[in-house]
Amino acid sequence: MPAMAELLLKRATAASGEVYDVLSGSRIVGRILLSDASPASQWVWTVSYGYHEGRTPTHGYAESREAAMQAFAKGWHRE
């Protein structure tokens, strides 16, 4: 399970396919998942609704799971 600062990526067991919860401590603060979009934007990431305030962007697309996690972390840390 890759970690970035205090963020942890954990496979979402209730979902089928490549779907991951992004956790900060014990809270699920977002999700990263593999879609059937073009290779340049096949990984989708989003900050969970209750955590949007003061963060931008709150969602996006990436070509790899690692790039999606980096983009998520950048928005999460307001960089």
C-alpha atoms as a PDB file:
ATOM      1  CA  MET A   1       0.000   0.000   0.000  1.00  0.00           C
ATOM      2  CA  PRO A   2       1.784   3.187  -1.148  1.00  0.00           C
ATOM      3  CA  ALA A   3       1.806   6.129   1.258  1.00  0.00           C
ATOM      4  CA  MET A   4       2.424   9.815   0.622  1.00  0.00           C
ATOM      5  CA  ALA A   5       2.899  11.983   3.715  1.00  0.00           C
ATOM      6  CA  GLU A   6      -0.069  11.000   5.903  1.00  0.00           C
ATOM      7  CA  LEU A   7      -2.100   9.637   2.967  1.00  0.00           C
ATOM      8  CA  LEU A   8      -2.510   5.905   2.488  1.00  0.00           C
ATOM      9  CA  LEU A   9      -3.899   4.063  -0.518  1.00  0.00           C
ATOM     10  CA  LYS A  10      -5.961   0.939   0.269  1.00  0.00           C
ATOM     11  CA  ARG A  11      -7.922  -1.260  -2.119  1.00  0.00           C
ATOM     12  CA  ALA A  12     -11.673  -0.733  -1.676  1.00  0.00           C
ATOM     13  CA  THR A  13     -12.918  -4.220  -0.879  1.00  0.00           C
ATOM     14  CA  ALA A  14     -16.595  -3.457  -1.544  1.00  0.00           C
ATOM     15  CA  ALA A  15     -15.891  -2.351  -5.134  1.00  0.00           C
ATOM     16  CA  SER A  16     -15.005  -4.450  -8.167  1.00  0.00           C
ATOM     17  CA  GLY A  17     -12.058  -3.604 -10.393  1.00  0.00           C
ATOM     18  CA  GLU A  18      -9.109  -1.421  -9.462  1.00  0.00           C
ATOM     19  CA  VAL A  19     -10.684   0.923  -6.936  1.00  0.00           C
ATOM     20  CA  TYR A  20      -8.738   2.395  -4.016  1.00  0.00           C
ATOM     21  CA  ASP A  21      -9.754   4.439  -1.002  1.00  0.00           C
ATOM     22  CA  VAL A  22      -7.428   7.274  -0.010  1.00  0.00           C
ATOM     23  CA  LEU A  23      -7.134   7.435   3.766  1.00  0.00           C
ATOM     24  CA  SER A  24      -5.858  10.143   6.079  1.00  0.00           C
ATOM     25  CA  GLY A  25      -5.557   8.439   9.421  1.00  0.00           C
ATOM     26  CA  SER A  26      -8.684   6.300   9.699  1.00  0.00           C
ATOM     27  CA  ARG A  27     -10.837   8.625   7.516  1.00  0.00           C
ATOM     28  CA  ILE A  28     -11.581   7.875   3.860  1.00  0.00           C
ATOM     29  CA  VAL A  29     -10.876  11.241   2.220  1.00  0.00           C
ATOM     30  CA  GLY A  30     -10.959  10.266  -1.440  1.00  0.00           C
ATOM     31  CA  ARG A  31     -10.874   7.590  -4.088  1.00  0.00           C
ATOM     32  CA  ILE A  32      -8.674   6.583  -7.015  1.00  0.00           C
ATOM     33  CA  LEU A  33      -9.952   4.181  -9.655  1.00  0.00           C
ATOM     34  CA  LEU A  34      -9.107   2.735 -13.038  1.00  0.00           C
ATOM     35  CA  SER A  35     -11.584   3.680 -15.753  1.00  0.00           C
ATOM     36  CA  ASP A  36     -11.935   2.575 -19.359  1.00  0.00           C
ATOM     37  CA  ALA A  37     -10.927   6.033 -20.682  1.00  0.00           C
ATOM     38  CA  SER A  38      -7.965   6.671 -22.953  1.00  0.00           C
ATOM     39  CA  PRO A  39      -4.547   5.678 -21.547  1.00  0.00           C
ATOM     40  CA  ALA A  40      -3.596   9.306 -20.836  1.00  0.00           C
ATOM     41  CA  SER A  41      -6.535   9.719 -18.463  1.00  0.00           C
ATOM     42  CA  GLN A  42      -7.461   6.208 -17.386  1.00  0.00           C
ATOM     43  CA  TRP A  43      -6.916   6.787 -13.648  1.00  0.00           C
ATOM     44  CA  VAL A  44      -9.535   8.996 -11.990  1.00  0.00           C
ATOM     45  CA  TRP A  45      -9.005  10.592  -8.580  1.00  0.00           C
ATOM     46  CA  THR A  46     -11.367  12.587  -6.401  1.00  0.00           C
ATOM     47  CA  VAL A  47     -11.426  14.136  -2.951  1.00  0.00           C
ATOM     48  CA  SER A  48     -14.504  13.003  -0.998  1.00  0.00           C
ATOM     49  CA  TYR A  49     -17.273  15.603  -0.768  1.00  0.00           C
ATOM     50  CA  GLY A  50     -16.869  16.515   2.907  1.00  0.00           C
ATOM     51  CA  TYR A  51     -13.206  17.434   2.350  1.00  0.00           C
ATOM     52  CA  HIS A  52     -13.479  19.810  -0.651  1.00  0.00           C
ATOM     53  CA  GLU A  53     -13.327  23.103   1.247  1.00  0.00           C
ATOM     54  CA  GLY A  54     -10.113  24.999   0.562  1.00  0.00           C
ATOM     55  CA  ARG A  55      -8.757  22.334  -1.773  1.00  0.00           C
ATOM     56  CA  THR A  56      -8.252  22.732  -5.477  1.00  0.00           C
ATOM     57  CA  PRO A  57      -8.425  20.790  -7.662  1.00  0.00           C
ATOM     58  CA  THR A  58     -10.792  18.284  -6.087  1.00  0.00           C
ATOM     59  CA  HIS A  59     -10.649  15.707  -8.881  1.00  0.00           C
ATOM     60  CA  GLY A  60      -8.692  14.856 -11.992  1.00  0.00           C
ATOM     61  CA  TYR A  61      -7.252  12.260 -14.339  1.00  0.00           C
ATOM     62  CA  ALA A  62      -3.828  10.665 -14.704  1.00  0.00           C
ATOM     63  CA  GLU A  63      -2.107   8.019 -16.786  1.00  0.00           C
ATOM     64  CA  SER A  64      -0.941   5.909 -13.821  1.00  0.00           C
ATOM     65  CA  ARG A  65      -2.099   5.118 -10.315  1.00  0.00           C
ATOM     66  CA  GLU A  66       1.079   6.675  -8.933  1.00  0.00           C
ATOM     67  CA  ALA A  67       0.495   9.904 -10.891  1.00  0.00           C
ATOM     68  CA  ALA A  68      -3.105   9.992  -9.642  1.00  0.00           C
ATOM     69  CA  MET A  69      -1.881   9.640  -6.052  1.00  0.00           C
ATOM     70  CA  GLN A  70       0.637  12.454  -6.569  1.00  0.00           C
ATOM     71  CA  ALA A  71      -2.061  14.722  -8.026  1.00  0.00           C
ATOM     72  CA  PHE A  72      -4.410  13.836  -5.162  1.00  0.00           C
ATOM     73  CA  ALA A  73      -1.701  14.638  -2.605  1.00  0.00           C
ATOM     74  CA  LYS A  74      -0.915  17.957  -4.297  1.00  0.00           C
ATOM     75  CA  GLY A  75      -4.557  19.039  -4.051  1.00  0.00           C
ATOM     76  CA  TRP A  76      -4.895  17.615  -0.542  1.00  0.00           C
ATOM     77  CA  HIS A  77      -1.889  19.548   0.715  1.00  0.00           C
ATOM     78  CA  ARG A  78      -2.981  22.658  -1.265  1.00  0.00           C
ATOM     79  CA  GLU A  79       0.316  22.844  -3.163  1.00  0.00           C
END
